[in-house]
Protein backbone atom coordinates (compact mmCIF):
# COMPACT_ATOMS: atom_id res chain seq x y z
CA UNK A 1 -3.14 20.41 7.55
CA UNK A 2 -5.92 18.04 8.62
CA UNK A 3 -8.53 20.01 6.67
CA UNK A 4 -6.22 20.19 3.67
CA UNK A 5 -5.69 16.43 3.92
CA UNK A 6 -9.45 15.85 4.07
CA UNK A 7 -9.91 17.96 0.95
CA UNK A 8 -7.01 16.50 -1.02
CA UNK A 9 -7.40 12.83 -0.11
CA UNK A 10 -11.19 13.08 -0.24
CA UNK A 11 -11.33 14.60 -3.72
CA UNK A 12 -8.20 13.51 -5.60
CA UNK A 13 -7.34 10.40 -3.58
CA UNK A 14 -4.28 9.44 -1.61
CA UNK A 15 -2.20 8.18 -4.54
CA UNK A 16 -2.80 11.30 -6.66
CA UNK A 17 -2.13 13.77 -3.85
CA UNK A 18 1.33 15.16 -3.21
CA UNK A 19 2.65 17.14 -0.26
CA UNK A 20 2.97 20.29 -2.35
CA UNK A 21 -0.80 20.20 -3.05
CA UNK A 22 -1.61 19.63 0.62
CA UNK A 23 0.56 22.57 1.63
CA UNK A 24 -1.03 24.77 -1.04
CA UNK A 25 -4.51 23.89 0.24
CA UNK A 26 -3.43 24.55 3.84
CA UNK A 27 -1.73 27.83 2.93
CA UNK A 28 1.47 26.60 4.59
CA UNK A 29 4.99 25.72 3.53
CA UNK A 30 6.36 22.22 3.07
CA UNK A 31 8.66 22.91 5.98
CA UNK A 32 5.60 23.24 8.24
CA UNK A 33 4.25 19.96 6.87
CA UNK A 34 7.41 18.11 7.84
CA UNK A 35 7.38 19.69 11.29
CA UNK A 36 3.96 18.11 11.81
CA UNK A 37 4.14 14.86 9.81
CA UNK A 38 7.03 12.70 8.68
CA UNK A 39 5.25 11.68 5.48
CA UNK A 40 1.96 11.85 3.59
CA UNK A 41 0.85 8.51 5.07
CA UNK A 42 0.97 10.01 8.58
CA UNK A 43 -1.41 12.77 7.50
CA UNK A 44 -3.81 10.22 5.99
CA UNK A 45 -3.78 8.33 9.31
CA UNK A 46 -4.44 11.55 11.22
CA UNK A 47 -7.35 12.51 8.95
CA UNK A 48 -8.86 9.01 9.19
CA UNK A 49 -8.43 8.90 12.98
CA UNK A 50 -10.05 12.32 13.30
CA UNK A 51 -13.09 11.22 11.30
CA UNK A 52 -13.40 8.03 13.36
CA UNK A 53 -13.03 9.88 16.66
CA UNK A 54 -15.66 12.43 15.64
CA UNK A 55 -18.19 9.69 14.90
CA UNK A 56 -17.37 7.82 18.11
CA UNK A 57 -17.84 10.95 20.26
CA UNK A 58 -21.17 11.72 18.62
CA UNK A 59 -22.40 8.12 19.02
CA UNK A 60 -21.39 7.99 22.68
CA UNK A 61 -23.18 11.29 23.31
CA UNK A 62 -26.36 9.76 21.89
CA UNK A 63 -26.01 6.66 24.06
CA UNK A 64 -25.36 8.73 27.16
CA UNK A 65 -28.38 10.98 26.58
CA UNK A 66 -30.86 9.93 29.29
CA UNK A 67 -33.80 11.12 27.16
CA UNK A 68 -32.81 8.76 24.32
CA UNK A 69 -33.95 5.14 24.61
CA UNK A 70 -31.31 2.57 23.54
CA UNK A 71 -33.06 1.54 20.32
CA UNK A 72 -33.63 5.19 19.42
CA UNK A 73 -29.94 5.85 20.14
CA UNK A 74 -28.97 3.09 17.70
CA UNK A 75 -31.32 4.43 15.03
CA UNK A 76 -29.99 7.95 15.46
CA UNK A 77 -26.39 6.69 15.45
CA UNK A 78 -26.95 4.82 12.21
CA UNK A 79 -28.59 7.88 10.69
CA UNK A 80 -25.69 10.07 11.79
CA UNK A 81 -23.16 7.61 10.36
CA UNK A 82 -24.84 7.28 6.97
CA UNK A 83 -25.54 11.03 6.74
CA UNK A 84 -21.87 11.64 7.54
CA UNK A 85 -20.99 9.66 4.41
CA UNK A 86 -23.75 11.08 2.23
CA UNK A 87 -23.36 14.74 3.12
CA UNK A 88 -19.58 14.83 2.67
CA UNK A 89 -18.37 12.41 -0.02
CA UNK A 90 -14.78 13.26 0.94
CA UNK A 91 -15.33 11.54 4.27
CA UNK A 92 -16.87 8.52 2.58
CA UNK A 93 -13.95 8.25 0.18
CA UNK A 94 -11.36 8.40 2.95
CA UNK A 95 -13.11 6.14 5.45
CA UNK A 96 -14.25 3.51 2.97
CA UNK A 97 -11.69 3.53 0.17
CA UNK A 98 -8.52 5.57 0.57
CA UNK A 99 -7.31 3.84 3.75
CA UNK A 100 -7.24 0.41 2.13
CA UNK A 101 -3.90 -1.06 1.19
CA UNK A 102 -1.79 2.09 1.62
CA UNK A 103 0.64 0.55 4.10
CA UNK A 104 0.74 -1.73 7.13
CA UNK A 105 0.56 1.32 9.40
CA UNK A 106 -2.59 2.67 7.74
CA UNK A 107 -4.04 -0.84 7.70
CA UNK A 108 -3.54 -0.92 11.50
CA UNK A 109 -5.30 2.44 11.80
CA UNK A 110 -8.21 1.09 9.79
CA UNK A 111 -8.31 -2.06 11.92
CA UNK A 112 -8.36 0.10 15.06
CA UNK A 113 -11.34 1.98 13.60
CA UNK A 114 -13.08 -1.35 13.01
CA UNK A 115 -12.41 -2.32 16.65
CA UNK A 116 -13.96 0.99 17.71
CA UNK A 117 -17.02 0.23 15.62
CA UNK A 118 -17.23 -3.30 17.07
CA UNK A 119 -17.09 -1.72 20.54
CA UNK A 120 -20.06 0.46 19.62
CA UNK A 121 -21.94 -2.66 18.50
CA UNK A 122 -21.20 -4.27 21.89
CA UNK A 123 -22.47 -1.15 23.62
CA UNK A 124 -25.70 -1.32 21.61
CA UNK A 125 -26.22 -4.99 22.42
CA UNK A 126 -25.54 -4.51 26.13
CA UNK A 127 -28.06 -1.66 26.35
CA UNK A 128 -30.87 -3.01 24.15
CA UNK A 129 -30.49 -6.66 25.11
CA UNK A 130 -29.54 -6.77 28.79
CA UNK A 131 -29.96 -10.57 28.77
CA UNK A 132 -26.70 -10.87 26.83
CA UNK A 133 -23.88 -11.12 29.34
CA UNK A 134 -20.84 -8.90 28.79
CA UNK A 135 -18.53 -11.93 28.90
CA UNK A 136 -20.46 -13.49 26.03
CA UNK A 137 -20.15 -10.26 24.01
CA UNK A 138 -16.45 -9.97 24.75
CA UNK A 139 -15.76 -13.51 23.55
CA UNK A 140 -18.04 -13.29 20.51
CA UNK A 141 -16.97 -12.54 16.96
CA UNK A 142 -20.46 -11.23 16.20
CA UNK A 143 -19.78 -7.54 17.06
CA UNK A 144 -16.75 -7.55 14.76
CA UNK A 145 -18.84 -9.27 12.08
CA UNK A 146 -21.60 -6.68 12.33
CA UNK A 147 -19.03 -3.88 12.23
CA UNK A 148 -17.63 -5.38 9.03
CA UNK A 149 -21.14 -5.79 7.64
CA UNK A 150 -21.92 -2.15 8.36
CA UNK A 151 -18.78 -1.04 6.52
CA UNK A 152 -19.62 -3.28 3.54
CA UNK A 153 -23.20 -2.00 3.45
CA UNK A 154 -21.79 1.55 3.55
CA UNK A 155 -19.39 0.81 0.71
CA UNK A 156 -22.14 -0.66 -1.48
CA UNK A 157 -24.47 2.23 -0.61
CA UNK A 158 -21.90 4.84 -1.61
CA UNK A 159 -20.97 2.98 -4.82
CA UNK A 160 -24.69 2.71 -5.70
CA UNK A 161 -25.10 6.48 -5.51
CA UNK A 162 -26.72 6.38 -2.04
CA UNK A 163 -29.41 3.99 -3.10
CA UNK A 164 -31.60 2.72 -1.47
CA UNK A 165 -32.79 5.91 0.26
CA UNK A 166 -31.32 6.81 3.66
CA UNK A 167 -34.41 5.76 5.65
CA UNK A 168 -34.44 2.35 3.96
CA UNK A 169 -30.79 1.67 4.64
CA UNK A 170 -31.24 2.62 8.31
CA UNK A 171 -34.33 0.40 8.65
CA UNK A 172 -32.52 -2.55 7.08
CA UNK A 173 -29.48 -2.12 9.32
CA UNK A 174 -31.74 -1.85 12.38
CA UNK A 175 -33.48 -5.07 11.35
CA UNK A 176 -30.12 -6.81 11.08
CA UNK A 177 -28.89 -5.56 14.46
CA UNK A 178 -32.16 -6.43 16.21
CA UNK A 179 -32.36 -9.91 14.68
CA UNK A 180 -28.80 -10.71 15.72
CA UNK A 181 -29.34 -9.20 19.18
CA UNK A 182 -32.47 -11.29 19.74
CA UNK A 183 -30.60 -14.38 18.61
CA UNK A 184 -27.73 -13.69 21.02
CA UNK A 185 -30.14 -12.95 23.86
CA UNK A 186 -32.06 -16.17 23.12
CA UNK A 187 -28.84 -18.15 23.19
CA UNK A 188 -27.90 -16.56 26.51
CA UNK A 189 -31.23 -17.54 28.09
CA UNK A 190 -31.01 -21.16 26.90
CA UNK A 191 -27.54 -21.54 28.44
CA UNK A 192 -28.72 -20.66 31.94
């Protein structure tokens, strides 16, 4: 069902997809659908959560790799994230567009995904800029702001047909993260 949801929502869109189509794609009956999900919205949430969890696991694996320096881990994470969108437009459509405004429940799922992304930003800052204290990161709106910026950059990139090229978008995002990290670290050192 999850794969069928990815295909249906990612190609036709949430509004144009019905349960009959999802069941056809999954090769299952509608009865099986309702044994697994109470409604189409629940499947969209499950598909979105699965995509988010997959990215989070891959990013954490990069950050936990002892052979990968923190800045390299960030660069590789950004590359993985943008490639994820570019190589499978269904994922981009679901993560960037189809989860918006469906319902309060799906909005909460999307907000949870943004919190996950903000947590990854905090992890990056704490590893690359050890002068930034965790308490300062936890009380700052900056990680949430950068998470939102990354999603907006992704949205514009997808809508522009993946232009500028992948390497350029990664370099620009790295510049943004590093500039903000240096600023936060500089502020931390002046407060001592």
